[in-house]
Amino acid sequence: MTGRLIGVGVGPGAPDLLTLRAARLIEDARVLAYPTLAGSPSFARSIAAAHVREGAEEIAIDIPMTPAREPAQAAYDAGAARIATRLEQGQDVVCLCEGDPMFYGSFMYLQARLAPRFATEVVPGVTSVAAAAALARLPLGAREGRIAVLPATLPDEALRAGFQAHETVALLKLGRHFPRVRALLEALGLTDRSTYVARATLAEELVLPLAQAPAEAPYFSLLLVSKDSDPWL
């Protein structure tokens, strides 16, 4: 019998936003895997730290921070190979993933490599979009309102089309694209309809109108753009 690959969403950052199922699986796990970014401590593991059992084997998968796909793909290949060794021995492996495993999550790359050979289970987590909407007190959808989730890495033409076709847009992956996106929203007359959220649910969380947002956006930040005024009334 081979082990199960279990992707567990740990939410956006606050440890008490872990689901009960996620906490139980982490507490029971004898083998844990999680991503690290460029050698830094794992954010996903820090969220789940209180539930990690003493003596658990930990597989850290270091993901290079580079726009090129090849280094990250090689890192996932290596991480999947290490996990496969434990699965072949009949051990379950719990893979921690920030937010939700199926929503821009690192787990999906491991699943693509391992699911053809091993049983796979996924436990959903609170997404950054849901956390940001809750902090901003901004409903994401009402009645026939259309919602889009767009990465800021898209070109201006694609972003413009997304803004025009949807009542609400969550814009992710701001980073170095923030100045360009900010200028585009200004040109579209949507600055006053945009809310900036950074480090949602963490001690240093920040929720501001876009006009008051800082010049640079950290990795854990997004924009919520709502074109309609009080559509839920």
C-alpha atoms as a PDB file:
ATOM      1  CA  MET A   1       0.000   0.000   0.000  1.00  0.00           C
ATOM      2  CA  THR A   2       1.294   3.436  -0.896  1.00  0.00           C
ATOM      3  CA  GLY A   3       0.693   6.554   1.158  1.00  0.00           C
ATOM      4  CA  ARG A   4      -1.640   9.454   0.414  1.00  0.00           C
ATOM      5  CA  LEU A   5      -0.573  12.870  -0.801  1.00  0.00           C
ATOM      6  CA  ILE A   6      -2.638  15.372   1.205  1.00  0.00           C
ATOM      7  CA  GLY A   7      -2.659  19.051   0.230  1.00  0.00           C
ATOM      8  CA  VAL A   8      -3.728  21.206   3.162  1.00  0.00           C
ATOM      9  CA  GLY A   9      -4.621  24.879   2.815  1.00  0.00           C
ATOM     10  CA  VAL A  10      -3.417  26.826   5.857  1.00  0.00           C
ATOM     11  CA  GLY A  11      -5.131  30.111   5.002  1.00  0.00           C
ATOM     12  CA  PRO A  12      -3.798  33.636   4.466  1.00  0.00           C
ATOM     13  CA  GLY A  13      -1.690  33.983   7.607  1.00  0.00           C
ATOM     14  CA  ALA A  14      -3.601  34.046  10.889  1.00  0.00           C
ATOM     15  CA  PRO A  15      -3.132  30.637  12.571  1.00  0.00           C
ATOM     16  CA  ASP A  16      -6.697  30.658  13.931  1.00  0.00           C
ATOM     17  CA  LEU A  17      -8.067  30.659  10.379  1.00  0.00           C
ATOM     18  CA  LEU A  18      -6.915  27.061   9.930  1.00  0.00           C
ATOM     19  CA  THR A  19      -9.892  24.760   9.466  1.00  0.00           C
ATOM     20  CA  LEU A  20     -10.500  22.024  12.026  1.00  0.00           C
ATOM     21  CA  ARG A  21      -9.756  19.385   9.392  1.00  0.00           C
ATOM     22  CA  ALA A  22      -6.483  21.049   8.456  1.00  0.00           C
ATOM     23  CA  ALA A  23      -5.398  21.237  12.101  1.00  0.00           C
ATOM     24  CA  ARG A  24      -6.242  17.573  12.695  1.00  0.00           C
ATOM     25  CA  LEU A  25      -4.314  16.374   9.644  1.00  0.00           C
ATOM     26  CA  ILE A  26      -1.257  18.453  10.530  1.00  0.00           C
ATOM     27  CA  GLU A  27      -1.285  17.177  14.114  1.00  0.00           C
ATOM     28  CA  ASP A  28      -1.447  13.572  12.884  1.00  0.00           C
ATOM     29  CA  ALA A  29       1.182  13.995  10.153  1.00  0.00           C
ATOM     30  CA  ARG A  30       4.430  12.068  10.495  1.00  0.00           C
ATOM     31  CA  VAL A  31       5.754  13.594   7.259  1.00  0.00           C
ATOM     32  CA  LEU A  32       5.197  17.251   6.344  1.00  0.00           C
ATOM     33  CA  ALA A  33       6.192  19.041   3.146  1.00  0.00           C
ATOM     34  CA  TYR A  34       6.027  22.754   2.481  1.00  0.00           C
ATOM     35  CA  PRO A  35       7.478  25.428   0.193  1.00  0.00           C
ATOM     36  CA  THR A  36      10.146  27.930   1.144  1.00  0.00           C
ATOM     37  CA  LEU A  37      11.039  30.934  -0.984  1.00  0.00           C
ATOM     38  CA  ALA A  38      14.679  31.472  -1.858  1.00  0.00           C
ATOM     39  CA  GLY A  39      15.915  29.911   1.370  1.00  0.00           C
ATOM     40  CA  SER A  40      13.681  31.966   3.674  1.00  0.00           C
ATOM     41  CA  PRO A  41      11.665  30.331   6.476  1.00  0.00           C
ATOM     42  CA  SER A  42       8.431  28.770   5.255  1.00  0.00           C
ATOM     43  CA  PHE A  43       5.421  31.047   5.708  1.00  0.00           C
ATOM     44  CA  ALA A  44       3.060  28.078   5.369  1.00  0.00           C
ATOM     45  CA  ARG A  45       4.856  26.201   8.140  1.00  0.00           C
ATOM     46  CA  SER A  46       4.850  29.248  10.421  1.00  0.00           C
ATOM     47  CA  ILE A  47       1.051  29.413  10.151  1.00  0.00           C
ATOM     48  CA  ALA A  48       0.711  25.753  11.118  1.00  0.00           C
ATOM     49  CA  ALA A  49       3.581  25.670  13.637  1.00  0.00           C
ATOM     50  CA  ALA A  50       1.419  25.128  16.725  1.00  0.00           C
ATOM     51  CA  HIS A  51       0.013  21.913  15.226  1.00  0.00           C
ATOM     52  CA  VAL A  52       3.237  20.275  13.996  1.00  0.00           C
ATOM     53  CA  ARG A  53       3.924  17.147  16.015  1.00  0.00           C
ATOM     54  CA  GLU A  54       7.292  16.683  17.680  1.00  0.00           C
ATOM     55  CA  GLY A  55       9.563  14.463  15.642  1.00  0.00           C
ATOM     56  CA  ALA A  56       7.698  14.855  12.367  1.00  0.00           C
ATOM     57  CA  GLU A  57       9.878  14.567   9.284  1.00  0.00           C
ATOM     58  CA  GLU A  58       9.862  17.838   7.351  1.00  0.00           C
ATOM     59  CA  ILE A  59      10.521  18.179   3.630  1.00  0.00           C
ATOM     60  CA  ALA A  60      11.284  21.802   2.716  1.00  0.00           C
ATOM     61  CA  ILE A  61      10.989  22.579  -0.993  1.00  0.00           C
ATOM     62  CA  ASP A  62      12.993  25.689  -1.809  1.00  0.00           C
ATOM     63  CA  ILE A  63      11.430  27.634  -4.693  1.00  0.00           C
ATOM     64  CA  PRO A  64      13.672  30.200  -6.445  1.00  0.00           C
ATOM     65  CA  MET A  65      12.252  33.717  -6.764  1.00  0.00           C
ATOM     66  CA  THR A  66      12.755  34.291 -10.488  1.00  0.00           C
ATOM     67  CA  PRO A  67      10.452  35.082 -13.430  1.00  0.00           C
ATOM     68  CA  ALA A  68      11.959  32.145 -15.349  1.00  0.00           C
ATOM     69  CA  ARG A  69       9.895  28.965 -15.047  1.00  0.00           C
ATOM     70  CA  GLU A  70      12.692  26.426 -15.334  1.00  0.00           C
ATOM     71  CA  PRO A  71      14.307  26.881 -11.875  1.00  0.00           C
ATOM     72  CA  ALA A  72      10.949  26.550 -10.097  1.00  0.00           C
ATOM     73  CA  GLN A  73       9.985  23.541 -12.211  1.00  0.00           C
ATOM     74  CA  ALA A  74      13.260  21.854 -11.292  1.00  0.00           C
ATOM     75  CA  ALA A  75      12.600  22.589  -7.607  1.00  0.00           C
ATOM     76  CA  TYR A  76       9.146  21.004  -7.803  1.00  0.00           C
ATOM     77  CA  ASP A  77      10.633  17.997  -9.617  1.00  0.00           C
ATOM     78  CA  ALA A  78      13.129  17.514  -6.798  1.00  0.00           C
ATOM     79  CA  GLY A  79      10.524  18.051  -4.084  1.00  0.00           C
ATOM     80  CA  ALA A  80       8.102  15.608  -5.706  1.00  0.00           C
ATOM     81  CA  ALA A  81      10.848  12.988  -5.886  1.00  0.00           C
ATOM     82  CA  ARG A  82      11.542  13.311  -2.154  1.00  0.00           C
ATOM     83  CA  ILE A  83       7.840  13.079  -1.340  1.00  0.00           C
ATOM     84  CA  ALA A  84       7.420  10.073  -3.644  1.00  0.00           C
ATOM     85  CA  THR A  85      10.028   8.178  -1.640  1.00  0.00           C
ATOM     86  CA  ARG A  86       7.884   8.452   1.482  1.00  0.00           C
ATOM     87  CA  LEU A  87       4.642   7.686  -0.367  1.00  0.00           C
ATOM     88  CA  GLU A  88       6.192   4.531  -1.820  1.00  0.00           C
ATOM     89  CA  GLN A  89       7.019   3.449   1.727  1.00  0.00           C
ATOM     90  CA  GLY A  90       3.337   3.679   2.641  1.00  0.00           C
ATOM     91  CA  GLN A  91       3.582   6.938   4.554  1.00  0.00           C
ATOM     92  CA  ASP A  92       1.057   9.726   4.099  1.00  0.00           C
ATOM     93  CA  VAL A  93       2.585  13.118   3.322  1.00  0.00           C
ATOM     94  CA  VAL A  94       0.788  16.331   4.316  1.00  0.00           C
ATOM     95  CA  CYS A  95       1.765  19.235   2.064  1.00  0.00           C
ATOM     96  CA  LEU A  96       1.157  22.675   3.554  1.00  0.00           C
ATOM     97  CA  CYS A  97       0.029  25.412   1.204  1.00  0.00           C
ATOM     98  CA  GLU A  98      -0.631  29.086   1.922  1.00  0.00           C
ATOM     99  CA  GLY A  99      -4.228  30.077   1.259  1.00  0.00           C
ATOM    100  CA  ASP A 100      -6.032  27.357  -0.684  1.00  0.00           C
ATOM    101  CA  PRO A 101      -4.153  24.562  -2.506  1.00  0.00           C
ATOM    102  CA  MET A 102      -6.237  24.955  -5.667  1.00  0.00           C
ATOM    103  CA  PHE A 103      -6.147  28.768  -5.785  1.00  0.00           C
ATOM    104  CA  TYR A 104      -2.747  29.823  -7.163  1.00  0.00           C
ATOM    105  CA  GLY A 105      -1.338  27.327  -4.665  1.00  0.00           C
ATOM    106  CA  SER A 106       2.085  25.675  -4.723  1.00  0.00           C
ATOM    107  CA  PHE A 107       0.495  22.289  -4.047  1.00  0.00           C
ATOM    108  CA  MET A 108      -0.981  22.037  -7.529  1.00  0.00           C
ATOM    109  CA  TYR A 109       2.506  21.631  -9.013  1.00  0.00           C
ATOM    110  CA  LEU A 110       3.249  18.717  -6.708  1.00  0.00           C
ATOM    111  CA  GLN A 111      -0.137  17.173  -7.400  1.00  0.00           C
ATOM    112  CA  ALA A 112       0.485  17.301 -11.150  1.00  0.00           C
ATOM    113  CA  ARG A 113       3.668  15.280 -10.664  1.00  0.00           C
ATOM    114  CA  LEU A 114       2.419  12.779  -8.075  1.00  0.00           C
ATOM    115  CA  ALA A 115      -1.337  12.251  -8.555  1.00  0.00           C
ATOM    116  CA  PRO A 116      -0.903   9.834 -11.494  1.00  0.00           C
ATOM    117  CA  ARG A 117       0.854   7.392  -9.116  1.00  0.00           C
ATOM    118  CA  PHE A 118      -0.564   8.099  -5.656  1.00  0.00           C
ATOM    119  CA  ALA A 119      -3.927   8.738  -4.010  1.00  0.00           C
ATOM    120  CA  THR A 120      -4.459  12.447  -3.473  1.00  0.00           C
ATOM    121  CA  GLU A 121      -6.628  14.433  -1.074  1.00  0.00           C
ATOM    122  CA  VAL A 122      -7.097  18.204  -0.907  1.00  0.00           C
ATOM    123  CA  VAL A 123      -8.292  20.237   2.082  1.00  0.00           C
ATOM    124  CA  PRO A 124      -9.433  23.755   1.143  1.00  0.00           C
ATOM    125  CA  GLY A 125      -8.267  26.856   2.988  1.00  0.00           C
ATOM    126  CA  VAL A 126      -9.289  30.492   3.325  1.00  0.00           C
ATOM    127  CA  THR A 127      -8.029  32.407   0.289  1.00  0.00           C
ATOM    128  CA  SER A 128      -6.330  35.793   0.324  1.00  0.00           C
ATOM    129  CA  VAL A 129      -9.243  37.191  -1.669  1.00  0.00           C
ATOM    130  CA  ALA A 130     -11.797  36.062   0.927  1.00  0.00           C
ATOM    131  CA  ALA A 131      -9.629  37.395   3.761  1.00  0.00           C
ATOM    132  CA  ALA A 132      -9.128  40.756   2.033  1.00  0.00           C
ATOM    133  CA  ALA A 133     -12.848  41.163   1.309  1.00  0.00           C
ATOM    134  CA  ALA A 134     -13.657  40.432   4.945  1.00  0.00           C
ATOM    135  CA  LEU A 135     -11.119  42.979   6.202  1.00  0.00           C
ATOM    136  CA  ALA A 136     -12.315  45.624   3.755  1.00  0.00           C
ATOM    137  CA  ARG A 137     -15.982  44.838   4.536  1.00  0.00           C
ATOM    138  CA  LEU A 138     -16.451  44.644   0.787  1.00  0.00           C
ATOM    139  CA  PRO A 139     -18.889  42.046  -0.604  1.00  0.00           C
ATOM    140  CA  LEU A 140     -17.379  40.302  -3.604  1.00  0.00           C
ATOM    141  CA  GLY A 141     -20.597  39.465  -5.408  1.00  0.00           C
ATOM    142  CA  ALA A 142     -24.307  40.269  -5.282  1.00  0.00           C
ATOM    143  CA  ARG A 143     -27.241  39.319  -7.491  1.00  0.00           C
ATOM    144  CA  GLU A 144     -25.972  39.045 -11.087  1.00  0.00           C
ATOM    145  CA  GLY A 145     -22.663  40.719 -10.343  1.00  0.00           C
ATOM    146  CA  ARG A 146     -19.697  39.208 -12.167  1.00  0.00           C
ATOM    147  CA  ILE A 147     -16.410  38.582 -10.343  1.00  0.00           C
ATOM    148  CA  ALA A 148     -12.949  38.209 -11.846  1.00  0.00           C
ATOM    149  CA  VAL A 149      -9.623  37.257 -10.297  1.00  0.00           C
ATOM    150  CA  LEU A 150      -6.775  38.611 -12.395  1.00  0.00           C
ATOM    151  CA  PRO A 151      -3.000  38.473 -11.958  1.00  0.00           C
ATOM    152  CA  ALA A 152      -1.342  41.872 -12.350  1.00  0.00           C
ATOM    153  CA  THR A 153       1.229  40.178 -14.575  1.00  0.00           C
ATOM    154  CA  LEU A 154      -1.280  40.361 -17.470  1.00  0.00           C
ATOM    155  CA  PRO A 155      -0.746  43.074 -20.097  1.00  0.00           C
ATOM    156  CA  ASP A 156      -2.748  46.297 -19.885  1.00  0.00           C
ATOM    157  CA  GLU A 157      -5.124  45.235 -22.673  1.00  0.00           C
ATOM    158  CA  ALA A 158      -6.171  42.079 -20.822  1.00  0.00           C
ATOM    159  CA  LEU A 159      -6.546  43.911 -17.515  1.00  0.00           C
ATOM    160  CA  ARG A 160      -8.605  46.658 -19.138  1.00  0.00           C
ATOM    161  CA  ALA A 161     -10.941  44.083 -20.666  1.00  0.00           C
ATOM    162  CA  GLY A 162     -11.306  42.365 -17.283  1.00  0.00           C
ATOM    163  CA  PHE A 163     -12.195  45.599 -15.514  1.00  0.00           C
ATOM    164  CA  GLN A 164     -14.720  46.504 -18.175  1.00  0.00           C
ATOM    165  CA  ALA A 165     -16.439  43.091 -18.192  1.00  0.00           C
ATOM    166  CA  HIS A 166     -16.858  42.569 -14.432  1.00  0.00           C
ATOM    167  CA  GLU A 167     -18.449  44.423 -11.557  1.00  0.00           C
ATOM    168  CA  THR A 168     -15.789  43.256  -9.076  1.00  0.00           C
ATOM    169  CA  VAL A 169     -12.144  42.409  -9.737  1.00  0.00           C
ATOM    170  CA  ALA A 170      -9.566  41.000  -7.337  1.00  0.00           C
ATOM    171  CA  LEU A 171      -6.109  41.841  -8.638  1.00  0.00           C
ATOM    172  CA  LEU A 172      -3.302  39.610  -7.381  1.00  0.00           C
ATOM    173  CA  LYS A 173       0.490  39.444  -7.765  1.00  0.00           C
ATOM    174  CA  LEU A 174       0.992  43.208  -7.608  1.00  0.00           C
ATOM    175  CA  GLY A 175       4.685  43.438  -6.739  1.00  0.00           C
ATOM    176  CA  ARG A 176       6.678  45.276  -9.395  1.00  0.00           C
ATOM    177  CA  HIS A 177       3.529  45.655 -11.519  1.00  0.00           C
ATOM    178  CA  PHE A 178       1.818  47.900  -8.952  1.00  0.00           C
ATOM    179  CA  PRO A 179       2.797  51.285 -10.488  1.00  0.00           C
ATOM    180  CA  ARG A 180       1.578  50.175 -13.920  1.00  0.00           C
ATOM    181  CA  VAL A 181      -1.703  48.816 -12.566  1.00  0.00           C
ATOM    182  CA  ARG A 182      -2.237  51.928 -10.488  1.00  0.00           C
ATOM    183  CA  ALA A 183      -1.808  54.132 -13.546  1.00  0.00           C
ATOM    184  CA  LEU A 184      -4.248  51.971 -15.521  1.00  0.00           C
ATOM    185  CA  LEU A 185      -6.930  52.215 -12.829  1.00  0.00           C
ATOM    186  CA  GLU A 186      -6.450  55.979 -12.734  1.00  0.00           C
ATOM    187  CA  ALA A 187      -6.890  56.169 -16.508  1.00  0.00           C
ATOM    188  CA  LEU A 188     -10.084  54.095 -16.249  1.00  0.00           C
ATOM    189  CA  GLY A 189     -11.475  56.328 -13.497  1.00  0.00           C
ATOM    190  CA  LEU A 190     -11.456  53.453 -10.979  1.00  0.00           C
ATOM    191  CA  THR A 191      -9.036  54.747  -8.349  1.00  0.00           C
ATOM    192  CA  ASP A 192     -11.861  55.722  -6.009  1.00  0.00           C
ATOM    193  CA  ARG A 193     -13.433  52.275  -6.467  1.00  0.00           C
ATOM    194  CA  SER A 194     -10.238  50.408  -5.549  1.00  0.00           C
ATOM    195  CA  THR A 195      -9.126  49.124  -2.135  1.00  0.00           C
ATOM    196  CA  TYR A 196      -5.569  48.108  -1.309  1.00  0.00           C
ATOM    197  CA  VAL A 197      -5.033  45.227   1.142  1.00  0.00           C
ATOM    198  CA  ALA A 198      -1.603  44.072   2.292  1.00  0.00           C
ATOM    199  CA  ARG A 199      -0.625  41.201   4.618  1.00  0.00           C
ATOM    200  CA  ALA A 200      -4.248  40.306   5.318  1.00  0.00           C
ATOM    201  CA  THR A 201      -4.915  38.792   8.790  1.00  0.00           C
ATOM    202  CA  LEU A 202      -1.329  39.394   9.974  1.00  0.00           C
ATOM    203  CA  ALA A 203      -0.327  41.835  12.710  1.00  0.00           C
ATOM    204  CA  GLU A 204       0.938  44.320  10.121  1.00  0.00           C
ATOM    205  CA  GLU A 205      -2.168  44.114   7.885  1.00  0.00           C
ATOM    206  CA  LEU A 206      -3.072  47.233   5.955  1.00  0.00           C
ATOM    207  CA  VAL A 207      -6.389  48.211   4.335  1.00  0.00           C
ATOM    208  CA  LEU A 208      -6.465  51.525   2.470  1.00  0.00           C
ATOM    209  CA  PRO A 209      -8.166  53.281  -0.426  1.00  0.00           C
ATOM    210  CA  LEU A 210      -5.886  52.966  -3.437  1.00  0.00           C
ATOM    211  CA  ALA A 211      -5.263  56.723  -3.415  1.00  0.00           C
ATOM    212  CA  GLN A 212      -3.662  56.361   0.042  1.00  0.00           C
ATOM    213  CA  ALA A 213      -1.688  53.188  -0.687  1.00  0.00           C
ATOM    214  CA  PRO A 214       2.133  53.230  -0.497  1.00  0.00           C
ATOM    215  CA  ALA A 215       4.205  53.454  -3.648  1.00  0.00           C
ATOM    216  CA  GLU A 216       5.401  49.843  -3.422  1.00  0.00           C
ATOM    217  CA  ALA A 217       3.328  46.720  -2.840  1.00  0.00           C
ATOM    218  CA  PRO A 218       4.729  43.742  -0.888  1.00  0.00           C
ATOM    219  CA  TYR A 219       4.412  40.150  -2.050  1.00  0.00           C
ATOM    220  CA  PHE A 220       1.317  39.553   0.103  1.00  0.00           C
ATOM    221  CA  SER A 221      -0.903  42.316  -1.253  1.00  0.00           C
ATOM    222  CA  LEU A 222      -3.846  42.706  -3.622  1.00  0.00           C
ATOM    223  CA  LEU A 223      -6.422  45.168  -4.914  1.00  0.00           C
ATOM    224  CA  LEU A 224     -10.193  44.855  -4.767  1.00  0.00           C
ATOM    225  CA  VAL A 225     -11.936  46.892  -7.444  1.00  0.00           C
ATOM    226  CA  SER A 226     -15.707  47.339  -7.144  1.00  0.00           C
ATOM    227  CA  LYS A 227     -17.265  49.337  -9.979  1.00  0.00           C
ATOM    228  CA  ASP A 228     -20.814  49.410  -8.584  1.00  0.00           C
ATOM    229  CA  SER A 229     -21.874  51.565  -5.673  1.00  0.00           C
ATOM    230  CA  ASP A 230     -23.625  49.510  -2.986  1.00  0.00           C
ATOM    231  CA  PRO A 231     -24.994  46.835  -5.391  1.00  0.00           C
ATOM    232  CA  TRP A 232     -26.146  44.712  -2.439  1.00  0.00           C
ATOM    233  CA  LEU A 233     -28.752  47.248  -1.254  1.00  0.00           C
END
